[in-house]
Amino acid sequence: MGKLLIVLFSPPWLSQNTDTAFEFARAAIDMGHKVTVFCDIDAVYNLMMKQILPDQPTPASKLAQLVEKGVLVLACRESARLRGLDVKEECIHGVVESSLGKLAELLEESDRVVAFGP
């Protein structure tokens, strides 16, 4: 099957973009595609572990589900640093710190790219 890259720029709760990206990724996985999600700019806030709540679905819990399904979820190192977020300590387990250079590589390697922004 194909390789899908989802680039997410939106912070949690500003719009439905994170939910839409989650549903899009889940459908692609169910169809057998390899999915990568790259979180840039304010989208790194979607990855904060402390935003996983036991009694309700949140953008962070949905992205954690994707990690559990084998999706490579990447956080832009510089976007996180500029927002005071330590990816290794504060983000969902399994999220990988990355760079815009890696994003450029993923853009070249992917069969399809979908971006969700503010």
C-alpha atoms as a PDB file:
ATOM      1  CA  MET A   1       0.000   0.000   0.000  1.00  0.00           C
ATOM      2  CA  GLY A   2       0.947   3.662   0.020  1.00  0.00           C
ATOM      3  CA  LYS A   3       2.707   6.031   2.361  1.00  0.00           C
ATOM      4  CA  LEU A   4       0.607   8.868   3.766  1.00  0.00           C
ATOM      5  CA  LEU A   5       2.109  11.891   5.488  1.00  0.00           C
ATOM      6  CA  ILE A   6      -0.175  14.044   7.627  1.00  0.00           C
ATOM      7  CA  VAL A   7       1.273  17.413   8.599  1.00  0.00           C
ATOM      8  CA  LEU A   8      -0.562  19.005  11.503  1.00  0.00           C
ATOM      9  CA  PHE A   9      -0.135  22.693  12.332  1.00  0.00           C
ATOM     10  CA  SER A  10      -3.224  23.255  14.516  1.00  0.00           C
ATOM     11  CA  PRO A  11      -3.224  23.358  18.312  1.00  0.00           C
ATOM     12  CA  PRO A  12      -5.748  21.282  20.254  1.00  0.00           C
ATOM     13  CA  TRP A  13      -9.279  22.631  20.610  1.00  0.00           C
ATOM     14  CA  LEU A  14      -8.871  25.581  18.217  1.00  0.00           C
ATOM     15  CA  SER A  15     -10.596  23.659  15.440  1.00  0.00           C
ATOM     16  CA  GLN A  16     -11.562  20.147  14.422  1.00  0.00           C
ATOM     17  CA  ASN A  17      -8.274  19.681  12.576  1.00  0.00           C
ATOM     18  CA  THR A  18      -6.694  17.268  15.059  1.00  0.00           C
ATOM     19  CA  ASP A  19      -9.859  15.157  15.179  1.00  0.00           C
ATOM     20  CA  THR A  20     -10.057  15.160  11.382  1.00  0.00           C
ATOM     21  CA  ALA A  21      -6.380  14.205  11.074  1.00  0.00           C
ATOM     22  CA  PHE A  22      -6.967  11.365  13.569  1.00  0.00           C
ATOM     23  CA  GLU A  23      -9.966   9.997  11.642  1.00  0.00           C
ATOM     24  CA  PHE A  24      -8.115  10.362   8.344  1.00  0.00           C
ATOM     25  CA  ALA A  25      -5.086   8.484   9.732  1.00  0.00           C
ATOM     26  CA  ARG A  26      -7.231   5.761  11.262  1.00  0.00           C
ATOM     27  CA  ALA A  27      -9.060   5.179   7.985  1.00  0.00           C
ATOM     28  CA  ALA A  28      -5.757   5.007   6.080  1.00  0.00           C
ATOM     29  CA  ILE A  29      -4.347   2.498   8.593  1.00  0.00           C
ATOM     30  CA  ASP A  30      -7.481   0.371   8.280  1.00  0.00           C
ATOM     31  CA  MET A  31      -6.903   0.326   4.507  1.00  0.00           C
ATOM     32  CA  GLY A  32      -3.339  -0.890   5.017  1.00  0.00           C
ATOM     33  CA  HIS A  33      -1.431   2.328   4.366  1.00  0.00           C
ATOM     34  CA  LYS A  34       1.684   3.388   6.266  1.00  0.00           C
ATOM     35  CA  VAL A  35       0.945   6.677   8.064  1.00  0.00           C
ATOM     36  CA  THR A  36       3.262   9.299   9.526  1.00  0.00           C
ATOM     37  CA  VAL A  37       2.048  12.363  11.433  1.00  0.00           C
ATOM     38  CA  PHE A  38       4.352  15.389  11.709  1.00  0.00           C
ATOM     39  CA  CYS A  39       3.313  18.007  14.303  1.00  0.00           C
ATOM     40  CA  ASP A  40       4.705  21.475  13.713  1.00  0.00           C
ATOM     41  CA  ILE A  41       4.188  24.951  15.156  1.00  0.00           C
ATOM     42  CA  ASP A  42       1.341  24.927  17.747  1.00  0.00           C
ATOM     43  CA  ALA A  43       0.407  21.341  16.871  1.00  0.00           C
ATOM     44  CA  VAL A  44       3.124  20.174  19.279  1.00  0.00           C
ATOM     45  CA  TYR A  45       0.664  21.064  22.067  1.00  0.00           C
ATOM     46  CA  ASN A  46      -1.487  18.146  20.861  1.00  0.00           C
ATOM     47  CA  LEU A  47       1.221  15.789  22.084  1.00  0.00           C
ATOM     48  CA  MET A  48       1.319  16.788  25.756  1.00  0.00           C
ATOM     49  CA  MET A  49       0.929  13.781  28.039  1.00  0.00           C
ATOM     50  CA  LYS A  50      -0.826  15.827  30.731  1.00  0.00           C
ATOM     51  CA  GLN A  51      -3.674  16.483  28.305  1.00  0.00           C
ATOM     52  CA  ILE A  52      -4.695  12.834  28.325  1.00  0.00           C
ATOM     53  CA  LEU A  53      -7.738  12.715  30.574  1.00  0.00           C
ATOM     54  CA  PRO A  54      -9.234   9.498  31.961  1.00  0.00           C
ATOM     55  CA  ASP A  55     -12.872  10.485  31.440  1.00  0.00           C
ATOM     56  CA  GLN A  56     -12.929  12.036  27.965  1.00  0.00           C
ATOM     57  CA  PRO A  57     -11.257  11.739  24.587  1.00  0.00           C
ATOM     58  CA  THR A  58      -8.750  14.493  23.895  1.00  0.00           C
ATOM     59  CA  PRO A  59      -6.508  15.310  20.936  1.00  0.00           C
ATOM     60  CA  ALA A  60      -3.566  13.909  22.929  1.00  0.00           C
ATOM     61  CA  SER A  61      -5.354  10.644  23.677  1.00  0.00           C
ATOM     62  CA  LYS A  62      -6.299  10.247  20.024  1.00  0.00           C
ATOM     63  CA  LEU A  63      -2.716  10.774  18.887  1.00  0.00           C
ATOM     64  CA  ALA A  64      -1.588   8.297  21.555  1.00  0.00           C
ATOM     65  CA  GLN A  65      -3.956   5.754  19.981  1.00  0.00           C
ATOM     66  CA  LEU A  66      -2.232   6.311  16.643  1.00  0.00           C
ATOM     67  CA  VAL A  67       1.167   5.676  18.228  1.00  0.00           C
ATOM     68  CA  GLU A  68      -0.225   2.426  19.662  1.00  0.00           C
ATOM     69  CA  LYS A  69      -1.355   1.428  16.153  1.00  0.00           C
ATOM     70  CA  GLY A  70       2.180   1.861  14.834  1.00  0.00           C
ATOM     71  CA  VAL A  71       1.900   5.349  13.369  1.00  0.00           C
ATOM     72  CA  LEU A  72       5.145   7.309  13.461  1.00  0.00           C
ATOM     73  CA  VAL A  73       4.240  10.560  15.233  1.00  0.00           C
ATOM     74  CA  LEU A  74       6.914  13.238  14.993  1.00  0.00           C
ATOM     75  CA  ALA A  75       7.247  16.518  16.880  1.00  0.00           C
ATOM     76  CA  CYS A  76       9.233  19.384  15.417  1.00  0.00           C
ATOM     77  CA  ARG A  77      12.122  19.877  17.832  1.00  0.00           C
ATOM     78  CA  GLU A  78      12.392  23.635  17.267  1.00  0.00           C
ATOM     79  CA  SER A  79       8.638  24.261  17.536  1.00  0.00           C
ATOM     80  CA  ALA A  80       8.587  22.376  20.835  1.00  0.00           C
ATOM     81  CA  ARG A  81      11.670  24.184  22.148  1.00  0.00           C
ATOM     82  CA  LEU A  82      10.238  27.617  21.303  1.00  0.00           C
ATOM     83  CA  ARG A  83       7.080  26.709  23.247  1.00  0.00           C
ATOM     84  CA  GLY A  84       8.966  25.441  26.283  1.00  0.00           C
ATOM     85  CA  LEU A  85       7.970  21.836  25.672  1.00  0.00           C
ATOM     86  CA  ASP A  86      10.408  19.014  26.367  1.00  0.00           C
ATOM     87  CA  VAL A  87       9.389  16.290  23.930  1.00  0.00           C
ATOM     88  CA  LYS A  88      11.169  13.486  25.783  1.00  0.00           C
ATOM     89  CA  GLU A  89       9.716  14.395  29.190  1.00  0.00           C
ATOM     90  CA  GLU A  90       6.292  15.929  28.482  1.00  0.00           C
ATOM     91  CA  CYS A  91       4.978  14.271  25.345  1.00  0.00           C
ATOM     92  CA  ILE A  92       3.113  11.061  24.701  1.00  0.00           C
ATOM     93  CA  HIS A  93       5.341   8.002  24.944  1.00  0.00           C
ATOM     94  CA  GLY A  94       6.466   6.981  21.485  1.00  0.00           C
ATOM     95  CA  VAL A  95       6.499  10.475  19.972  1.00  0.00           C
ATOM     96  CA  VAL A  96       9.797  11.108  18.204  1.00  0.00           C
ATOM     97  CA  GLU A  97      11.593  14.440  18.177  1.00  0.00           C
ATOM     98  CA  SER A  98      12.242  15.510  14.588  1.00  0.00           C
ATOM     99  CA  SER A  99      13.185  18.418  12.352  1.00  0.00           C
ATOM    100  CA  LEU A 100      12.096  20.307   9.264  1.00  0.00           C
ATOM    101  CA  GLY A 101      14.891  18.516   7.407  1.00  0.00           C
ATOM    102  CA  LYS A 102      13.189  15.201   8.194  1.00  0.00           C
ATOM    103  CA  LEU A 103       9.876  16.709   7.078  1.00  0.00           C
ATOM    104  CA  ALA A 104      11.455  17.542   3.724  1.00  0.00           C
ATOM    105  CA  GLU A 105      12.582  13.909   3.379  1.00  0.00           C
ATOM    106  CA  LEU A 106       9.118  12.652   4.280  1.00  0.00           C
ATOM    107  CA  LEU A 107       7.551  14.943   1.681  1.00  0.00           C
ATOM    108  CA  GLU A 108       9.762  13.332  -0.975  1.00  0.00           C
ATOM    109  CA  GLU A 109       9.126   9.756   0.199  1.00  0.00           C
ATOM    110  CA  SER A 110       5.356   9.944   0.694  1.00  0.00           C
ATOM    111  CA  ASP A 111       2.790   8.993  -1.915  1.00  0.00           C
ATOM    112  CA  ARG A 112       0.294  11.498  -0.543  1.00  0.00           C
ATOM    113  CA  VAL A 113       0.564  14.479   1.819  1.00  0.00           C
ATOM    114  CA  VAL A 114      -2.315  16.075   3.667  1.00  0.00           C
ATOM    115  CA  ALA A 115      -1.866  19.183   5.797  1.00  0.00           C
ATOM    116  CA  PHE A 116      -4.195  20.529   8.481  1.00  0.00           C
ATOM    117  CA  GLY A 117      -3.562  24.082   9.639  1.00  0.00           C
ATOM    118  CA  PRO A 118      -5.204  26.938  11.437  1.00  0.00           C
END
